[in-house]
Amino acid sequence: MMPAAGKEYAHIGETFGCQDHDHDLVHELSKKLDALWRYDQYIANAEDRPAIQSLWRDFKNQCQQEVQRLKQAIRDEIQQGCF
C-alpha cells in the first residue's frame, strides 16, 4: 500500500498534451503576457519618477519583443508538426 503523501502524486504526468519543450514555450508566453499586461500600470504608478518610468518602459519594450519571439517559436513548432 502506498502512503497517502505518495498517492496524491502517483499519476501526475501520465497524460500530457504536448512535449515538455512546447509546454515550456506556452508557459513562458503566458508569464510574459501577464507581465506585459501590468507594465502600463507600473508606469502610471511611477508618474513622479521619470527614471523609474523609463525603466518600466524599457522592460515593457523588451517583454514585447520576447512575446513576439515566443509566438514565432510556437508557430515554427506547429508548422514543423512538433506541437
PDB file of N, CA and C in Angstrom:
ATOM      1  N   MET A   1       0.847  -1.181   0.000  1.00  0.00           N
ATOM      2  CA  MET A   1       0.000   0.000   0.000  1.00  0.00           C
ATOM      3  C   MET A   1       0.889   1.239   0.000  1.00  0.00           C
ATOM      4  N   MET A   2       0.554   2.191  -0.856  1.00  0.00           N
ATOM      5  CA  MET A   2       1.325   3.428  -0.975  1.00  0.00           C
ATOM      6  C   MET A   2       0.897   4.410   0.118  1.00  0.00           C
ATOM      7  N   PRO A   3       1.848   5.105   0.753  1.00  0.00           N
ATOM      8  CA  PRO A   3       1.483   6.099   1.756  1.00  0.00           C
ATOM      9  C   PRO A   3       0.672   7.231   1.118  1.00  0.00           C
ATOM     10  N   ALA A   4      -0.176   7.881   1.923  1.00  0.00           N
ATOM     11  CA  ALA A   4      -1.080   8.933   1.420  1.00  0.00           C
ATOM     12  C   ALA A   4      -0.329  10.034   0.692  1.00  0.00           C
ATOM     13  N   ALA A   5       0.836  10.441   1.188  1.00  0.00           N
ATOM     14  CA  ALA A   5       1.600  11.525   0.557  1.00  0.00           C
ATOM     15  C   ALA A   5       2.025  11.147  -0.862  1.00  0.00           C
ATOM     16  N   GLY A   6       2.358   9.916  -1.102  1.00  0.00           N
ATOM     17  CA  GLY A   6       2.762   9.463  -2.421  1.00  0.00           C
ATOM     18  C   GLY A   6       1.583   9.252  -3.359  1.00  0.00           C
ATOM     19  N   LYS A   7       0.436   8.899  -2.805  1.00  0.00           N
ATOM     20  CA  LYS A   7      -0.750   8.622  -3.604  1.00  0.00           C
ATOM     21  C   LYS A   7      -1.232   9.844  -4.378  1.00  0.00           C
ATOM     22  N   GLU A   8      -1.184  10.993  -3.747  1.00  0.00           N
ATOM     23  CA  GLU A   8      -1.742  12.168  -4.409  1.00  0.00           C
ATOM     24  C   GLU A   8      -0.955  12.567  -5.658  1.00  0.00           C
ATOM     25  N   TYR A   9       0.268  12.094  -5.788  1.00  0.00           N
ATOM     26  CA  TYR A   9       1.098  12.411  -6.954  1.00  0.00           C
ATOM     27  C   TYR A   9       1.394  11.179  -7.821  1.00  0.00           C
ATOM     28  N   ALA A  10       0.792  10.064  -7.510  1.00  0.00           N
ATOM     29  CA  ALA A  10       1.127   8.808  -8.172  1.00  0.00           C
ATOM     30  C   ALA A  10       0.871   8.834  -9.679  1.00  0.00           C
ATOM     31  N   HIS A  11      -0.088   9.618 -10.140  1.00  0.00           N
ATOM     32  CA  HIS A  11      -0.456   9.582 -11.554  1.00  0.00           C
ATOM     33  C   HIS A  11      -0.164  10.889 -12.290  1.00  0.00           C
ATOM     34  N   ILE A  12       0.519  11.806 -11.620  1.00  0.00           N
ATOM     35  CA  ILE A  12       0.887  13.067 -12.256  1.00  0.00           C
ATOM     36  C   ILE A  12       1.805  12.776 -13.434  1.00  0.00           C
ATOM     37  N   GLY A  13       1.509  13.359 -14.578  1.00  0.00           N
ATOM     38  CA  GLY A  13       2.367  13.237 -15.739  1.00  0.00           C
ATOM     39  C   GLY A  13       2.070  12.050 -16.641  1.00  0.00           C
ATOM     40  N   GLU A  14       1.095  11.210 -16.273  1.00  0.00           N
ATOM     41  CA  GLU A  14       0.773  10.074 -17.137  1.00  0.00           C
ATOM     42  C   GLU A  14       0.149  10.535 -18.451  1.00  0.00           C
ATOM     43  N   THR A  15      -0.634  11.588 -18.387  1.00  0.00           N
ATOM     44  CA  THR A  15      -1.284  12.130 -19.576  1.00  0.00           C
ATOM     45  C   THR A  15      -0.763  13.536 -19.807  1.00  0.00           C
ATOM     46  N   PHE A  16      -0.378  13.816 -21.045  1.00  0.00           N
ATOM     47  CA  PHE A  16       0.115  15.147 -21.360  1.00  0.00           C
ATOM     48  C   PHE A  16      -0.334  15.526 -22.755  1.00  0.00           C
ATOM     49  N   GLY A  17      -0.450  16.830 -23.002  1.00  0.00           N
ATOM     50  CA  GLY A  17      -0.973  17.309 -24.270  1.00  0.00           C
ATOM     51  C   GLY A  17       0.082  17.699 -25.276  1.00  0.00           C
ATOM     52  N   CYS A  18       1.318  17.856 -24.818  1.00  0.00           N
ATOM     53  CA  CYS A  18       2.390  18.225 -25.742  1.00  0.00           C
ATOM     54  C   CYS A  18       3.732  17.895 -25.094  1.00  0.00           C
ATOM     55  N   GLN A  19       4.766  17.996 -25.877  1.00  0.00           N
ATOM     56  CA  GLN A  19       6.117  17.722 -25.379  1.00  0.00           C
ATOM     57  C   GLN A  19       6.529  18.814 -24.383  1.00  0.00           C
ATOM     58  N   ASP A  20       7.457  18.477 -23.522  1.00  0.00           N
ATOM     59  CA  ASP A  20       7.907  19.421 -22.494  1.00  0.00           C
ATOM     60  C   ASP A  20       8.374  20.748 -23.093  1.00  0.00           C
ATOM     61  N   HIS A  21       9.152  20.689 -24.182  1.00  0.00           N
ATOM     62  CA  HIS A  21       9.688  21.937 -24.737  1.00  0.00           C
ATOM     63  C   HIS A  21       8.565  22.826 -25.286  1.00  0.00           C
ATOM     64  N   ASP A  22       7.495  22.226 -25.792  1.00  0.00           N
ATOM     65  CA  ASP A  22       6.367  23.027 -26.258  1.00  0.00           C
ATOM     66  C   ASP A  22       5.580  23.596 -25.088  1.00  0.00           C
ATOM     67  N   HIS A  23       5.406  22.788 -24.060  1.00  0.00           N
ATOM     68  CA  HIS A  23       4.744  23.287 -22.848  1.00  0.00           C
ATOM     69  C   HIS A  23       5.530  24.455 -22.269  1.00  0.00           C
ATOM     70  N   ASP A  24       6.848  24.345 -22.272  1.00  0.00           N
ATOM     71  CA  ASP A  24       7.696  25.417 -21.749  1.00  0.00           C
ATOM     72  C   ASP A  24       7.484  26.713 -22.522  1.00  0.00           C
ATOM     73  N   LEU A  25       7.366  26.615 -23.847  1.00  0.00           N
ATOM     74  CA  LEU A  25       7.126  27.809 -24.664  1.00  0.00           C
ATOM     75  C   LEU A  25       5.800  28.463 -24.299  1.00  0.00           C
ATOM     76  N   VAL A  26       4.759  27.658 -24.179  1.00  0.00           N
ATOM     77  CA  VAL A  26       3.430  28.186 -23.850  1.00  0.00           C
ATOM     78  C   VAL A  26       3.421  28.779 -22.447  1.00  0.00           C
ATOM     79  N   HIS A  27       4.053  28.083 -21.520  1.00  0.00           N
ATOM     80  CA  HIS A  27       4.108  28.565 -20.127  1.00  0.00           C
ATOM     81  C   HIS A  27       4.838  29.909 -20.051  1.00  0.00           C
ATOM     82  N   GLU A  28       5.961  29.999 -20.728  1.00  0.00           N
ATOM     83  CA  GLU A  28       6.738  31.253 -20.703  1.00  0.00           C
ATOM     84  C   GLU A  28       5.972  32.378 -21.397  1.00  0.00           C
ATOM     85  N   LEU A  29       5.285  32.060 -22.486  1.00  0.00           N
ATOM     86  CA  LEU A  29       4.465  33.072 -23.158  1.00  0.00           C
ATOM     87  C   LEU A  29       3.399  33.596 -22.207  1.00  0.00           C
ATOM     88  N   SER A  30       2.768  32.716 -21.476  1.00  0.00           N
ATOM     89  CA  SER A  30       1.751  33.125 -20.508  1.00  0.00           C
ATOM     90  C   SER A  30       2.332  34.062 -19.450  1.00  0.00           C
ATOM     91  N   LYS A  31       3.500  33.724 -18.934  1.00  0.00           N
ATOM     92  CA  LYS A  31       4.144  34.579 -17.927  1.00  0.00           C
ATOM     93  C   LYS A  31       4.481  35.949 -18.506  1.00  0.00           C
ATOM     94  N   LYS A  32       4.998  35.973 -19.734  1.00  0.00           N
ATOM     95  CA  LYS A  32       5.358  37.251 -20.367  1.00  0.00           C
ATOM     96  C   LYS A  32       4.112  38.095 -20.636  1.00  0.00           C
ATOM     97  N   LEU A  33       3.026  37.453 -21.074  1.00  0.00           N
ATOM     98  CA  LEU A  33       1.788  38.195 -21.325  1.00  0.00           C
ATOM     99  C   LEU A  33       1.238  38.782 -20.036  1.00  0.00           C
ATOM    100  N   ASP A  34       1.338  38.053 -18.937  1.00  0.00           N
ATOM    101  CA  ASP A  34       0.905  38.581 -17.644  1.00  0.00           C
ATOM    102  C   ASP A  34       1.726  39.805 -17.255  1.00  0.00           C
ATOM    103  N   ALA A  35       3.036  39.726 -17.445  1.00  0.00           N
ATOM    104  CA  ALA A  35       3.908  40.858 -17.115  1.00  0.00           C
ATOM    105  C   ALA A  35       3.590  42.048 -18.013  1.00  0.00           C
ATOM    106  N   LEU A  36       3.437  41.792 -19.294  1.00  0.00           N
ATOM    107  CA  LEU A  36       3.152  42.860 -20.248  1.00  0.00           C
ATOM    108  C   LEU A  36       1.859  43.584 -19.890  1.00  0.00           C
ATOM    109  N   TRP A  37       0.891  42.827 -19.433  1.00  0.00           N
ATOM    110  CA  TRP A  37      -0.409  43.368 -19.041  1.00  0.00           C
ATOM    111  C   TRP A  37      -0.272  44.369 -17.889  1.00  0.00           C
ATOM    112  N   ARG A  38       0.751  44.209 -17.052  1.00  0.00           N
ATOM    113  CA  ARG A  38       0.918  45.055 -15.868  1.00  0.00           C
ATOM    114  C   ARG A  38       1.788  46.295 -16.090  1.00  0.00           C
ATOM    115  N   TYR A  39       2.621  46.302 -17.100  1.00  0.00           N
ATOM    116  CA  TYR A  39       3.605  47.376 -17.238  1.00  0.00           C
ATOM    117  C   TYR A  39       2.991  48.764 -17.337  1.00  0.00           C
ATOM    118  N   ASP A  40       1.880  48.936 -18.035  1.00  0.00           N
ATOM    119  CA  ASP A  40       1.281  50.264 -18.125  1.00  0.00           C
ATOM    120  C   ASP A  40       0.869  50.786 -16.745  1.00  0.00           C
ATOM    121  N   GLN A  41       0.392  49.885 -15.887  1.00  0.00           N
ATOM    122  CA  GLN A  41       0.038  50.306 -14.532  1.00  0.00           C
ATOM    123  C   GLN A  41       1.287  50.689 -13.756  1.00  0.00           C
ATOM    124  N   TYR A  42       2.363  49.935 -13.921  1.00  0.00           N
ATOM    125  CA  TYR A  42       3.614  50.263 -13.238  1.00  0.00           C
ATOM    126  C   TYR A  42       4.116  51.640 -13.674  1.00  0.00           C
ATOM    127  N   ILE A  43       4.005  51.911 -14.965  1.00  0.00           N
ATOM    128  CA  ILE A  43       4.432  53.214 -15.490  1.00  0.00           C
ATOM    129  C   ILE A  43       3.579  54.324 -14.873  1.00  0.00           C
ATOM    130  N   ALA A  44       2.284  54.114 -14.814  1.00  0.00           N
ATOM    131  CA  ALA A  44       1.383  55.110 -14.217  1.00  0.00           C
ATOM    132  C   ALA A  44       1.665  55.298 -12.729  1.00  0.00           C
ATOM    133  N   ASN A  45       1.977  54.221 -12.038  1.00  0.00           N
ATOM    134  CA  ASN A  45       2.257  54.310 -10.598  1.00  0.00           C
ATOM    135  C   ASN A  45       3.506  55.136 -10.316  1.00  0.00           C
ATOM    136  N   ALA A  46       4.396  55.251 -11.271  1.00  0.00           N
ATOM    137  CA  ALA A  46       5.654  55.988 -11.093  1.00  0.00           C
ATOM    138  C   ALA A  46       5.585  57.361 -11.746  1.00  0.00           C
ATOM    139  N   GLU A  47       4.404  57.964 -11.765  1.00  0.00           N
ATOM    140  CA  GLU A  47       4.212  59.207 -12.522  1.00  0.00           C
ATOM    141  C   GLU A  47       5.158  60.340 -12.109  1.00  0.00           C
ATOM    142  N   ASP A  48       5.601  60.379 -10.879  1.00  0.00           N
ATOM    143  CA  ASP A  48       6.517  61.438 -10.428  1.00  0.00           C
ATOM    144  C   ASP A  48       7.979  60.994 -10.446  1.00  0.00           C
ATOM    145  N   ARG A  49       8.254  59.843 -11.045  1.00  0.00           N
ATOM    146  CA  ARG A  49       9.602  59.287 -11.054  1.00  0.00           C
ATOM    147  C   ARG A  49       9.988  58.905 -12.479  1.00  0.00           C
ATOM    148  N   PRO A  50      10.421  59.888 -13.270  1.00  0.00           N
ATOM    149  CA  PRO A  50      10.719  59.615 -14.681  1.00  0.00           C
ATOM    150  C   PRO A  50      11.746  58.507 -14.906  1.00  0.00           C
ATOM    151  N   ALA A  51      12.729  58.388 -14.039  1.00  0.00           N
ATOM    152  CA  ALA A  51      13.734  57.336 -14.215  1.00  0.00           C
ATOM    153  C   ALA A  51      13.106  55.954 -14.049  1.00  0.00           C
ATOM    154  N   ILE A  52      12.193  55.838 -13.096  1.00  0.00           N
ATOM    155  CA  ILE A  52      11.524  54.555 -12.881  1.00  0.00           C
ATOM    156  C   ILE A  52      10.561  54.271 -14.030  1.00  0.00           C
ATOM    157  N   GLN A  53       9.871  55.307 -14.502  1.00  0.00           N
ATOM    158  CA  GLN A  53       9.006  55.115 -15.668  1.00  0.00           C
ATOM    159  C   GLN A  53       9.817  54.625 -16.868  1.00  0.00           C
ATOM    160  N   SER A  54      10.972  55.206 -17.052  1.00  0.00           N
ATOM    161  CA  SER A  54      11.842  54.796 -18.152  1.00  0.00           C
ATOM    162  C   SER A  54      12.249  53.328 -18.010  1.00  0.00           C
ATOM    163  N   LEU A  55      12.559  52.928 -16.793  1.00  0.00           N
ATOM    164  CA  LEU A  55      12.908  51.538 -16.521  1.00  0.00           C
ATOM    165  C   LEU A  55      11.757  50.617 -16.917  1.00  0.00           C
ATOM    166  N   TRP A  56      10.531  50.954 -16.467  1.00  0.00           N
ATOM    167  CA  TRP A  56       9.367  50.128 -16.799  1.00  0.00           C
ATOM    168  C   TRP A  56       9.102  50.121 -18.301  1.00  0.00           C
ATOM    169  N   ARG A  57       9.287  51.243 -18.965  1.00  0.00           N
ATOM    170  CA  ARG A  57       9.096  51.286 -20.424  1.00  0.00           C
ATOM    171  C   ARG A  57      10.114  50.390 -21.143  1.00  0.00           C
ATOM    172  N   ASP A  58      11.351  50.420 -20.650  1.00  0.00           N
ATOM    173  CA  ASP A  58      12.376  49.543 -21.235  1.00  0.00           C
ATOM    174  C   ASP A  58      11.999  48.070 -21.060  1.00  0.00           C
ATOM    175  N   PHE A  59      11.554  47.718 -19.853  1.00  0.00           N
ATOM    176  CA  PHE A  59      11.137  46.339 -19.586  1.00  0.00           C
ATOM    177  C   PHE A  59       9.945  45.957 -20.454  1.00  0.00           C
ATOM    178  N   LYS A  60       9.009  46.900 -20.609  1.00  0.00           N
ATOM    179  CA  LYS A  60       7.828  46.645 -21.439  1.00  0.00           C
ATOM    180  C   LYS A  60       8.243  46.374 -22.887  1.00  0.00           C
ATOM    181  N   ASN A  61       9.131  47.204 -23.425  1.00  0.00           N
ATOM    182  CA  ASN A  61       9.594  47.009 -24.803  1.00  0.00           C
ATOM    183  C   ASN A  61      10.315  45.674 -24.963  1.00  0.00           C
ATOM    184  N   GLN A  62      11.160  45.345 -24.012  1.00  0.00           N
ATOM    185  CA  GLN A  62      11.875  44.071 -24.052  1.00  0.00           C
ATOM    186  C   GLN A  62      10.884  42.910 -23.995  1.00  0.00           C
ATOM    187  N   CYS A  63       9.899  43.026 -23.136  1.00  0.00           N
ATOM    188  CA  CYS A  63       8.899  41.977 -22.983  1.00  0.00           C
ATOM    189  C   CYS A  63       8.086  41.808 -24.271  1.00  0.00           C
ATOM    190  N   GLN A  64       7.746  42.912 -24.920  1.00  0.00           N
ATOM    191  CA  GLN A  64       7.015  42.831 -26.184  1.00  0.00           C
ATOM    192  C   GLN A  64       7.825  42.060 -27.223  1.00  0.00           C
ATOM    193  N   GLN A  65       9.119  42.305 -27.259  1.00  0.00           N
ATOM    194  CA  GLN A  65       9.988  41.570 -28.193  1.00  0.00           C
ATOM    195  C   GLN A  65      10.043  40.083 -27.833  1.00  0.00           C
ATOM    196  N   GLU A  66      10.119  39.795 -26.544  1.00  0.00           N
ATOM    197  CA  GLU A  66      10.161  38.402 -26.100  1.00  0.00           C
ATOM    198  C   GLU A  66       8.857  37.682 -26.433  1.00  0.00           C
ATOM    199  N   VAL A  67       7.733  38.370 -26.280  1.00  0.00           N
ATOM    200  CA  VAL A  67       6.438  37.789 -26.630  1.00  0.00           C
ATOM    201  C   VAL A  67       6.417  37.435 -28.113  1.00  0.00           C
ATOM    202  N   GLN A  68       6.895  38.343 -28.951  1.00  0.00           N
ATOM    203  CA  GLN A  68       6.911  38.077 -30.387  1.00  0.00           C
ATOM    204  C   GLN A  68       7.809  36.883 -30.725  1.00  0.00           C
ATOM    205  N   ARG A  69       8.944  36.799 -30.072  1.00  0.00           N
ATOM    206  CA  ARG A  69       9.854  35.665 -30.318  1.00  0.00           C
ATOM    207  C   ARG A  69       9.223  34.343 -29.880  1.00  0.00           C
ATOM    208  N   LEU A  70       8.567  34.346 -28.738  1.00  0.00           N
ATOM    209  CA  LEU A  70       7.909  33.130 -28.263  1.00  0.00           C
ATOM    210  C   LEU A  70       6.771  32.722 -29.196  1.00  0.00           C
ATOM    211  N   LYS A  71       5.986  33.686 -29.635  1.00  0.00           N
ATOM    212  CA  LYS A  71       4.892  33.390 -30.561  1.00  0.00           C
ATOM    213  C   LYS A  71       5.443  32.804 -31.861  1.00  0.00           C
ATOM    214  N   GLN A  72       6.550  33.351 -32.341  1.00  0.00           N
ATOM    215  CA  GLN A  72       7.154  32.828 -33.559  1.00  0.00           C
ATOM    216  C   GLN A  72       7.670  31.408 -33.344  1.00  0.00           C
ATOM    217  N   ALA A  73       8.278  31.169 -32.196  1.00  0.00           N
ATOM    218  CA  ALA A  73       8.779  29.822 -31.899  1.00  0.00           C
ATOM    219  C   ALA A  73       7.624  28.817 -31.857  1.00  0.00           C
ATOM    220  N   ILE A  74       6.503  29.219 -31.292  1.00  0.00           N
ATOM    221  CA  ILE A  74       5.327  28.338 -31.254  1.00  0.00           C
ATOM    222  C   ILE A  74       4.797  28.104 -32.661  1.00  0.00           C
ATOM    223  N   ARG A  75       4.732  29.160 -33.478  1.00  0.00           N
ATOM    224  CA  ARG A  75       4.316  28.999 -34.870  1.00  0.00           C
ATOM    225  C   ARG A  75       5.232  28.020 -35.602  1.00  0.00           C
ATOM    226  N   ASP A  76       6.537  28.184 -35.389  1.00  0.00           N
ATOM    227  CA  ASP A  76       7.506  27.290 -36.034  1.00  0.00           C
ATOM    228  C   ASP A  76       7.287  25.838 -35.618  1.00  0.00           C
ATOM    229  N   GLU A  77       7.063  25.615 -34.343  1.00  0.00           N
ATOM    230  CA  GLU A  77       6.821  24.261 -33.843  1.00  0.00           C
ATOM    231  C   GLU A  77       5.578  23.660 -34.497  1.00  0.00           C
ATOM    232  N   ILE A  78       4.537  24.475 -34.612  1.00  0.00           N
ATOM    233  CA  ILE A  78       3.286  23.996 -35.231  1.00  0.00           C
ATOM    234  C   ILE A  78       3.521  23.658 -36.695  1.00  0.00           C
ATOM    235  N   GLN A  79       4.220  24.544 -37.416  1.00  0.00           N
ATOM    236  CA  GLN A  79       4.485  24.306 -38.836  1.00  0.00           C
ATOM    237  C   GLN A  79       5.328  23.061 -39.063  1.00  0.00           C
ATOM    238  N   GLN A  80       6.185  22.745 -38.116  1.00  0.00           N
ATOM    239  CA  GLN A  80       7.037  21.550 -38.237  1.00  0.00           C
ATOM    240  C   GLN A  80       6.326  20.292 -37.767  1.00  0.00           C
ATOM    241  N   GLY A  81       5.083  20.462 -37.305  1.00  0.00           N
ATOM    242  CA  GLY A  81       4.331  19.313 -36.819  1.00  0.00           C
ATOM    243  C   GLY A  81       4.817  18.798 -35.487  1.00  0.00           C
ATOM    244  N   CYS A  82       5.551  19.613 -34.763  1.00  0.00           N
ATOM    245  CA  CYS A  82       6.136  19.187 -33.489  1.00  0.00           C
ATOM    246  C   CYS A  82       5.283  19.571 -32.281  1.00  0.00           C
ATOM    247  N   PHE A  83       4.211  20.257 -32.495  1.00  0.00           N
ATOM    248  CA  PHE A  83       3.411  20.754 -31.368  1.00  0.00           C
ATOM    249  C   PHE A  83       2.240  19.841 -31.135  1.00  0.00           C
TER     250      PHE A  83
END
